[in-house]
Amino acid sequence: MTTLSDIIEKYILNTIQESNKGEILLKRTDLSGKFSCVPSQINYVINTRFTIERGYIVESKRGEGGYLKIVRIPVTETKIYLNKIQEETKSTITAEGARGFLNRLEEENIISKREKNMIWQLLKDESLPNDKDNKGYYRLKMLKNLIAYLIKEEEKK
């Protein structure tokens, strides 16, 4: 079943694809009017589906004349993307965030589907210590080690 969030996400993705720059400027009020929803619905979609882990940088300006700028980090900028992930992720990462990051690496052919699935087996909640408060910390630590390795591999190319 397709949800309103799915429809909004698809619209934004199509708009990004149609732009030649890989970036778009949107107004929350225009989107909420187009989809007959409250602006917080737009915020939800942006905050959950257009994250750095999934390869997007979002700039937001609220208030009168406010906008959303969504930039897709191009695959040709893999090193920049990986460095940005390291900078943006503070001290923990959710399972959903890690999975989104791995999906992006697979989409961009940085890792294979098999590699993605193997890494996911190590990062999912069931593979981490039972200490709920620290799962995100351990997950991020392993992910940052992976990123450091991928950056070294990119530099060899």
N, C-alpha and C. Protein backbone atom coordinates (compact mmCIF):
# COMPACT_ATOMS: atom_id res chain seq x y z
N MET A 1 0.84 -1.17 0.00
CA MET A 1 0.00 0.00 0.00
C MET A 1 0.89 1.24 0.00
N THR A 2 0.63 2.15 -0.91
CA THR A 2 1.38 3.37 -1.02
C THR A 2 0.85 4.40 -0.03
N THR A 3 1.76 4.98 0.73
CA THR A 3 1.36 6.00 1.70
C THR A 3 1.61 7.39 1.12
N LEU A 4 1.08 8.39 1.77
CA LEU A 4 1.32 9.76 1.35
C LEU A 4 2.81 10.08 1.40
N SER A 5 3.49 9.57 2.40
CA SER A 5 4.94 9.79 2.50
C SER A 5 5.66 9.21 1.29
N ASP A 6 5.24 8.03 0.84
CA ASP A 6 5.84 7.41 -0.36
C ASP A 6 5.61 8.29 -1.59
N ILE A 7 4.42 8.83 -1.71
CA ILE A 7 4.07 9.67 -2.86
C ILE A 7 4.90 10.95 -2.86
N ILE A 8 5.03 11.57 -1.69
CA ILE A 8 5.83 12.79 -1.57
C ILE A 8 7.29 12.49 -1.89
N GLU A 9 7.81 11.40 -1.34
CA GLU A 9 9.20 11.01 -1.61
C GLU A 9 9.41 10.82 -3.11
N LYS A 10 8.52 10.09 -3.76
CA LYS A 10 8.65 9.82 -5.19
C LYS A 10 8.63 11.12 -5.99
N TYR A 11 7.76 12.04 -5.61
CA TYR A 11 7.70 13.34 -6.29
C TYR A 11 9.03 14.07 -6.16
N ILE A 12 9.57 14.11 -4.95
CA ILE A 12 10.84 14.81 -4.73
C ILE A 12 11.97 14.13 -5.50
N LEU A 13 12.02 12.80 -5.47
CA LEU A 13 13.05 12.07 -6.21
C LEU A 13 12.97 12.36 -7.70
N ASN A 14 11.76 12.36 -8.25
CA ASN A 14 11.58 12.67 -9.67
C ASN A 14 12.02 14.09 -9.99
N THR A 15 11.72 15.02 -9.10
CA THR A 15 12.11 16.41 -9.29
C THR A 15 13.63 16.55 -9.28
N ILE A 16 14.29 15.83 -8.39
CA ILE A 16 15.76 15.85 -8.34
C ILE A 16 16.33 15.27 -9.62
N GLN A 17 15.76 14.15 -10.09
CA GLN A 17 16.24 13.51 -11.33
C GLN A 17 16.09 14.43 -12.52
N GLU A 18 14.99 15.17 -12.56
CA GLU A 18 14.73 16.07 -13.69
C GLU A 18 15.65 17.28 -13.69
N SER A 19 16.15 17.64 -12.52
CA SER A 19 17.08 18.78 -12.47
C SER A 19 18.43 18.31 -12.96
N ASN A 20 19.09 19.13 -13.69
CA ASN A 20 20.40 18.75 -14.23
C ASN A 20 21.51 18.88 -13.20
N LYS A 21 21.25 19.61 -12.13
CA LYS A 21 22.28 19.88 -11.13
C LYS A 21 22.31 18.84 -10.00
N GLY A 22 21.27 18.01 -9.88
CA GLY A 22 21.21 17.09 -8.76
C GLY A 22 20.81 17.76 -7.47
N GLU A 23 20.22 18.95 -7.61
CA GLU A 23 19.75 19.66 -6.43
C GLU A 23 18.49 20.43 -6.78
N ILE A 24 17.67 20.64 -5.77
CA ILE A 24 16.42 21.36 -5.99
C ILE A 24 16.13 22.28 -4.81
N LEU A 25 15.35 23.30 -5.07
CA LEU A 25 14.82 24.19 -4.04
C LEU A 25 13.32 24.00 -4.00
N LEU A 26 12.78 23.74 -2.83
CA LEU A 26 11.35 23.54 -2.66
C LEU A 26 10.84 24.40 -1.52
N LYS A 27 9.56 24.69 -1.55
CA LYS A 27 8.92 25.38 -0.42
C LYS A 27 7.97 24.40 0.25
N ARG A 28 8.08 24.30 1.56
CA ARG A 28 7.21 23.41 2.32
C ARG A 28 5.74 23.70 2.04
N THR A 29 5.41 25.00 2.03
CA THR A 29 4.00 25.36 1.84
C THR A 29 3.49 24.95 0.46
N ASP A 30 4.34 25.07 -0.56
CA ASP A 30 3.94 24.63 -1.91
C ASP A 30 3.69 23.12 -1.92
N LEU A 31 4.61 22.37 -1.30
CA LEU A 31 4.46 20.91 -1.27
C LEU A 31 3.24 20.49 -0.46
N SER A 32 3.06 21.13 0.69
CA SER A 32 1.90 20.74 1.52
C SER A 32 0.60 21.09 0.80
N GLY A 33 0.58 22.18 0.04
CA GLY A 33 -0.60 22.51 -0.77
C GLY A 33 -0.81 21.50 -1.88
N LYS A 34 0.25 21.12 -2.55
CA LYS A 34 0.17 20.16 -3.66
C LYS A 34 -0.38 18.81 -3.20
N PHE A 35 0.03 18.39 -2.00
CA PHE A 35 -0.37 17.07 -1.50
C PHE A 35 -1.46 17.14 -0.44
N SER A 36 -2.01 18.31 -0.23
CA SER A 36 -3.09 18.51 0.76
C SER A 36 -2.74 17.90 2.11
N CYS A 37 -1.60 18.32 2.62
CA CYS A 37 -1.16 17.82 3.92
C CYS A 37 -0.56 18.98 4.72
N VAL A 38 -0.26 18.72 5.96
CA VAL A 38 0.36 19.74 6.80
C VAL A 38 1.87 19.79 6.53
N PRO A 39 2.50 20.93 6.73
CA PRO A 39 3.95 21.03 6.50
C PRO A 39 4.77 20.02 7.31
N SER A 40 4.26 19.62 8.47
CA SER A 40 5.02 18.64 9.26
C SER A 40 5.13 17.30 8.53
N GLN A 41 4.18 16.98 7.67
CA GLN A 41 4.26 15.75 6.86
C GLN A 41 5.45 15.85 5.90
N ILE A 42 5.63 17.04 5.34
CA ILE A 42 6.77 17.27 4.45
C ILE A 42 8.07 17.14 5.24
N ASN A 43 8.10 17.73 6.43
CA ASN A 43 9.28 17.62 7.30
C ASN A 43 9.61 16.17 7.61
N TYR A 44 8.57 15.37 7.89
CA TYR A 44 8.78 13.96 8.19
C TYR A 44 9.47 13.25 7.02
N VAL A 45 8.96 13.48 5.82
CA VAL A 45 9.54 12.83 4.64
C VAL A 45 10.99 13.26 4.46
N ILE A 46 11.24 14.55 4.57
CA ILE A 46 12.60 15.07 4.40
C ILE A 46 13.54 14.49 5.46
N ASN A 47 13.10 14.48 6.72
CA ASN A 47 13.96 14.03 7.82
C ASN A 47 14.22 12.54 7.83
N THR A 48 13.33 11.75 7.23
CA THR A 48 13.51 10.30 7.28
C THR A 48 13.99 9.69 5.97
N ARG A 49 13.77 10.37 4.87
CA ARG A 49 14.08 9.76 3.57
C ARG A 49 15.15 10.48 2.77
N PHE A 50 15.51 11.66 3.20
CA PHE A 50 16.55 12.42 2.50
C PHE A 50 17.65 12.77 3.49
N THR A 51 18.29 11.73 3.99
CA THR A 51 19.32 11.85 5.01
C THR A 51 20.71 11.75 4.39
N ILE A 52 21.69 12.15 5.16
CA ILE A 52 23.08 12.04 4.69
C ILE A 52 23.43 10.57 4.41
N GLU A 53 22.91 9.67 5.23
CA GLU A 53 23.21 8.25 5.03
C GLU A 53 22.70 7.76 3.68
N ARG A 54 21.65 8.36 3.20
CA ARG A 54 21.08 7.97 1.90
C ARG A 54 21.65 8.80 0.76
N GLY A 55 22.58 9.69 1.07
CA GLY A 55 23.27 10.43 0.03
C GLY A 55 22.72 11.81 -0.27
N TYR A 56 22.04 12.41 0.69
CA TYR A 56 21.46 13.74 0.48
C TYR A 56 21.94 14.71 1.55
N ILE A 57 22.12 15.94 1.14
CA ILE A 57 22.36 17.02 2.07
C ILE A 57 21.15 17.93 1.96
N VAL A 58 20.56 18.25 3.10
CA VAL A 58 19.37 19.10 3.12
C VAL A 58 19.69 20.38 3.89
N GLU A 59 19.44 21.50 3.25
CA GLU A 59 19.53 22.79 3.90
C GLU A 59 18.11 23.29 4.06
N SER A 60 17.81 23.86 5.19
CA SER A 60 16.45 24.29 5.46
C SER A 60 16.44 25.69 6.02
N LYS A 61 15.56 26.52 5.46
CA LYS A 61 15.35 27.85 6.00
C LYS A 61 13.87 27.96 6.30
N ARG A 62 13.55 28.26 7.54
CA ARG A 62 12.15 28.36 7.95
C ARG A 62 11.67 29.81 7.89
N GLY A 63 10.37 29.95 7.98
CA GLY A 63 9.78 31.28 8.03
C GLY A 63 9.40 31.78 6.65
N GLU A 64 9.04 33.04 6.61
CA GLU A 64 8.62 33.68 5.35
C GLU A 64 9.75 33.56 4.33
N GLY A 65 9.42 33.09 3.16
CA GLY A 65 10.44 32.91 2.14
C GLY A 65 11.32 31.70 2.39
N GLY A 66 10.92 30.86 3.33
CA GLY A 66 11.72 29.68 3.66
C GLY A 66 11.72 28.67 2.53
N TYR A 67 12.69 27.81 2.55
CA TYR A 67 12.82 26.82 1.49
C TYR A 67 13.52 25.57 2.02
N LEU A 68 13.50 24.54 1.21
CA LEU A 68 14.28 23.33 1.42
C LEU A 68 15.19 23.18 0.21
N LYS A 69 16.46 23.03 0.45
CA LYS A 69 17.40 22.75 -0.64
C LYS A 69 17.88 21.32 -0.42
N ILE A 70 17.62 20.48 -1.40
CA ILE A 70 18.01 19.08 -1.30
C ILE A 70 19.04 18.81 -2.38
N VAL A 71 20.20 18.32 -1.95
CA VAL A 71 21.31 18.06 -2.87
C VAL A 71 21.66 16.58 -2.80
N ARG A 72 21.68 15.94 -3.95
CA ARG A 72 22.12 14.54 -4.04
C ARG A 72 23.63 14.55 -4.23
N ILE A 73 24.34 13.88 -3.35
CA ILE A 73 25.80 13.83 -3.46
C ILE A 73 26.13 12.84 -4.57
N PRO A 74 26.79 13.31 -5.64
CA PRO A 74 27.05 12.44 -6.79
C PRO A 74 28.06 11.33 -6.47
N VAL A 75 27.89 10.21 -7.16
CA VAL A 75 28.77 9.06 -6.95
C VAL A 75 30.21 9.41 -7.31
N THR A 76 30.41 10.34 -8.23
CA THR A 76 31.77 10.72 -8.60
C THR A 76 32.48 11.40 -7.44
N GLU A 77 31.71 11.80 -6.45
CA GLU A 77 32.28 12.45 -5.27
C GLU A 77 32.25 11.50 -4.07
N THR A 78 32.54 10.24 -4.30
CA THR A 78 32.47 9.21 -3.26
C THR A 78 33.25 9.60 -2.03
N LYS A 79 34.46 10.08 -2.22
CA LYS A 79 35.30 10.43 -1.07
C LYS A 79 34.65 11.55 -0.27
N ILE A 80 34.10 12.55 -0.97
CA ILE A 80 33.42 13.65 -0.29
C ILE A 80 32.23 13.12 0.49
N TYR A 81 31.47 12.23 -0.13
CA TYR A 81 30.30 11.62 0.52
C TYR A 81 30.71 10.88 1.78
N LEU A 82 31.73 10.05 1.68
CA LEU A 82 32.18 9.27 2.84
C LEU A 82 32.70 10.18 3.95
N ASN A 83 33.45 11.21 3.57
CA ASN A 83 33.94 12.16 4.58
C ASN A 83 32.78 12.90 5.22
N LYS A 84 31.77 13.26 4.42
CA LYS A 84 30.61 13.98 4.95
C LYS A 84 29.87 13.10 5.95
N ILE A 85 29.76 11.81 5.67
CA ILE A 85 29.12 10.87 6.61
C ILE A 85 29.89 10.90 7.94
N GLN A 86 31.21 10.84 7.86
CA GLN A 86 32.01 10.84 9.08
C GLN A 86 31.81 12.13 9.86
N GLU A 87 31.70 13.26 9.17
CA GLU A 87 31.52 14.55 9.85
C GLU A 87 30.13 14.68 10.47
N GLU A 88 29.12 14.25 9.73
CA GLU A 88 27.73 14.50 10.12
C GLU A 88 27.24 13.58 11.24
N THR A 89 27.74 12.36 11.26
CA THR A 89 27.27 11.43 12.27
C THR A 89 28.02 11.71 13.56
N LYS A 90 27.27 12.03 14.58
CA LYS A 90 27.85 12.48 15.84
C LYS A 90 28.45 11.31 16.63
N SER A 91 27.63 10.67 17.46
CA SER A 91 28.18 9.61 18.31
C SER A 91 27.45 8.29 18.15
N THR A 92 26.30 8.31 17.48
CA THR A 92 25.56 7.06 17.26
C THR A 92 24.90 7.10 15.89
N ILE A 93 24.47 5.93 15.45
CA ILE A 93 23.68 5.83 14.23
C ILE A 93 22.64 4.74 14.43
N THR A 94 21.44 5.00 13.96
CA THR A 94 20.37 4.01 14.10
C THR A 94 20.56 2.88 13.10
N ALA A 95 19.87 1.79 13.35
CA ALA A 95 19.90 0.68 12.41
C ALA A 95 19.37 1.14 11.05
N GLU A 96 18.30 1.94 11.08
CA GLU A 96 17.72 2.45 9.83
C GLU A 96 18.72 3.33 9.08
N GLY A 97 19.44 4.18 9.80
CA GLY A 97 20.45 5.02 9.18
C GLY A 97 21.57 4.21 8.55
N ALA A 98 22.03 3.20 9.26
CA ALA A 98 23.10 2.33 8.74
C ALA A 98 22.63 1.58 7.50
N ARG A 99 21.40 1.08 7.55
CA ARG A 99 20.85 0.35 6.41
C ARG A 99 20.72 1.28 5.19
N GLY A 100 20.27 2.52 5.42
CA GLY A 100 20.18 3.48 4.33
C GLY A 100 21.53 3.77 3.71
N PHE A 101 22.54 3.89 4.55
CA PHE A 101 23.90 4.13 4.07
C PHE A 101 24.39 2.96 3.22
N LEU A 102 24.18 1.74 3.71
CA LEU A 102 24.60 0.56 2.95
C LEU A 102 23.85 0.44 1.63
N ASN A 103 22.57 0.76 1.66
CA ASN A 103 21.79 0.73 0.41
C ASN A 103 22.35 1.71 -0.61
N ARG A 104 22.74 2.89 -0.14
CA ARG A 104 23.32 3.88 -1.05
C ARG A 104 24.63 3.38 -1.63
N LEU A 105 25.48 2.77 -0.80
CA LEU A 105 26.74 2.23 -1.30
C LEU A 105 26.50 1.17 -2.36
N GLU A 106 25.47 0.36 -2.17
CA GLU A 106 25.14 -0.65 -3.18
C GLU A 106 24.59 0.01 -4.45
N GLU A 107 23.67 0.95 -4.29
CA GLU A 107 23.09 1.65 -5.45
C GLU A 107 24.17 2.28 -6.32
N GLU A 108 25.21 2.78 -5.70
CA GLU A 108 26.27 3.47 -6.42
C GLU A 108 27.41 2.52 -6.81
N ASN A 109 27.20 1.22 -6.64
CA ASN A 109 28.18 0.20 -7.01
C ASN A 109 29.52 0.36 -6.30
N ILE A 110 29.47 0.88 -5.09
CA ILE A 110 30.68 0.97 -4.28
C ILE A 110 30.91 -0.37 -3.59
N ILE A 111 29.80 -1.02 -3.20
CA ILE A 111 29.86 -2.39 -2.67
C ILE A 111 28.80 -3.21 -3.40
N SER A 112 28.99 -4.52 -3.39
CA SER A 112 28.03 -5.42 -4.04
C SER A 112 26.86 -5.71 -3.09
N LYS A 113 25.82 -6.29 -3.63
CA LYS A 113 24.67 -6.68 -2.80
C LYS A 113 25.11 -7.68 -1.73
N ARG A 114 25.96 -8.59 -2.10
CA ARG A 114 26.46 -9.59 -1.15
C ARG A 114 27.25 -8.92 -0.02
N GLU A 115 28.12 -7.99 -0.39
CA GLU A 115 28.88 -7.27 0.63
C GLU A 115 27.95 -6.47 1.54
N LYS A 116 26.96 -5.81 0.95
CA LYS A 116 25.99 -5.05 1.74
C LYS A 116 25.31 -5.97 2.76
N ASN A 117 24.85 -7.12 2.31
CA ASN A 117 24.15 -8.04 3.21
C ASN A 117 25.06 -8.58 4.30
N MET A 118 26.32 -8.82 3.96
CA MET A 118 27.26 -9.31 4.97
C MET A 118 27.53 -8.23 6.02
N ILE A 119 27.74 -7.00 5.57
CA ILE A 119 27.99 -5.90 6.51
C ILE A 119 26.76 -5.67 7.38
N TRP A 120 25.58 -5.75 6.77
CA TRP A 120 24.34 -5.54 7.52
C TRP A 120 24.22 -6.56 8.65
N GLN A 121 24.63 -7.80 8.41
CA GLN A 121 24.55 -8.83 9.44
C GLN A 121 25.36 -8.44 10.68
N LEU A 122 26.41 -7.69 10.48
CA LEU A 122 27.24 -7.23 11.61
C LEU A 122 26.67 -5.98 12.29
N LEU A 123 25.92 -5.17 11.54
CA LEU A 123 25.45 -3.89 12.08
C LEU A 123 24.04 -3.93 12.67
N LYS A 124 23.29 -4.97 12.37
CA LYS A 124 21.91 -5.00 12.87
C LYS A 124 21.90 -5.22 14.38
N ASP A 125 20.80 -4.83 15.01
CA ASP A 125 20.69 -4.87 16.47
C ASP A 125 21.03 -6.23 17.06
N GLU A 126 20.59 -7.29 16.42
CA GLU A 126 20.79 -8.64 16.96
C GLU A 126 22.26 -9.03 17.05
N SER A 127 23.12 -8.38 16.27
CA SER A 127 24.54 -8.71 16.26
C SER A 127 25.36 -7.90 17.26
N LEU A 128 24.74 -6.90 17.83
CA LEU A 128 25.46 -5.99 18.73
C LEU A 128 25.20 -6.38 20.19
N PRO A 129 26.04 -5.89 21.10
CA PRO A 129 25.84 -6.21 22.53
C PRO A 129 24.43 -5.85 22.99
N ASN A 130 23.97 -6.52 24.02
CA ASN A 130 22.62 -6.31 24.53
C ASN A 130 22.40 -4.95 25.15
N ASP A 131 23.44 -4.21 25.40
CA ASP A 131 23.34 -2.88 25.99
C ASP A 131 22.66 -1.93 24.99
N LYS A 132 21.35 -1.71 25.15
CA LYS A 132 20.57 -0.90 24.20
C LYS A 132 21.13 0.50 24.02
N ASP A 133 21.61 1.08 25.09
CA ASP A 133 22.10 2.46 25.03
C ASP A 133 23.34 2.62 24.16
N ASN A 134 24.09 1.54 23.98
CA ASN A 134 25.35 1.66 23.24
C ASN A 134 25.33 1.02 21.85
N LYS A 135 24.22 0.43 21.44
CA LYS A 135 24.15 -0.21 20.13
C LYS A 135 24.51 0.77 19.02
N GLY A 136 23.94 1.97 19.07
CA GLY A 136 24.21 2.99 18.05
C GLY A 136 25.66 3.42 18.02
N TYR A 137 26.28 3.46 19.20
CA TYR A 137 27.69 3.82 19.29
C TYR A 137 28.56 2.75 18.62
N TYR A 138 28.32 1.48 18.95
CA TYR A 138 29.10 0.38 18.36
C TYR A 138 28.87 0.30 16.85
N ARG A 139 27.63 0.48 16.44
CA ARG A 139 27.28 0.43 15.02
C ARG A 139 28.04 1.53 14.27
N LEU A 140 28.05 2.73 14.83
CA LEU A 140 28.73 3.85 14.18
C LEU A 140 30.24 3.62 14.13
N LYS A 141 30.78 3.09 15.20
CA LYS A 141 32.23 2.82 15.24
C LYS A 141 32.62 1.85 14.12
N MET A 142 31.84 0.79 13.94
CA MET A 142 32.14 -0.17 12.87
C MET A 142 31.95 0.47 11.51
N LEU A 143 30.90 1.26 11.37
CA LEU A 143 30.63 1.92 10.10
C LEU A 143 31.74 2.91 9.74
N LYS A 144 32.23 3.64 10.72
CA LYS A 144 33.32 4.59 10.45
C LYS A 144 34.60 3.86 10.05
N ASN A 145 34.83 2.68 10.61
CA ASN A 145 35.99 1.89 10.18
C ASN A 145 35.82 1.46 8.73
N LEU A 146 34.61 1.08 8.38
CA LEU A 146 34.32 0.72 6.99
C LEU A 146 34.55 1.92 6.08
N ILE A 147 34.07 3.08 6.49
CA ILE A 147 34.23 4.30 5.68
C ILE A 147 35.71 4.63 5.49
N ALA A 148 36.49 4.52 6.56
CA ALA A 148 37.92 4.80 6.46
C ALA A 148 38.57 3.86 5.44
N TYR A 149 38.18 2.60 5.46
CA TYR A 149 38.70 1.63 4.49
C TYR A 149 38.29 2.02 3.07
N LEU A 150 37.03 2.37 2.88
CA LEU A 150 36.53 2.74 1.56
C LEU A 150 37.23 3.99 1.02
N ILE A 151 37.52 4.95 1.90
CA ILE A 151 38.24 6.15 1.49
C ILE A 151 39.64 5.79 1.00
N LYS A 152 40.31 4.91 1.74
CA LYS A 152 41.66 4.47 1.32
C LYS A 152 41.60 3.79 -0.05
N GLU A 153 40.57 2.98 -0.26
CA GLU A 153 40.41 2.30 -1.55
C GLU A 153 40.15 3.30 -2.67
N GLU A 154 39.36 4.33 -2.39
CA GLU A 154 39.08 5.38 -3.39
C GLU A 154 40.37 6.11 -3.76
N GLU A 155 41.22 6.36 -2.77
CA GLU A 155 42.45 7.09 -3.02
C GLU A 155 43.42 6.29 -3.89
N LYS A 156 43.32 4.97 -3.88
CA LYS A 156 44.16 4.12 -4.70
C LYS A 156 43.78 4.20 -6.18
N LYS A 157 42.53 4.58 -6.45
CA LYS A 157 42.04 4.60 -7.85
C LYS A 157 42.65 5.72 -8.64
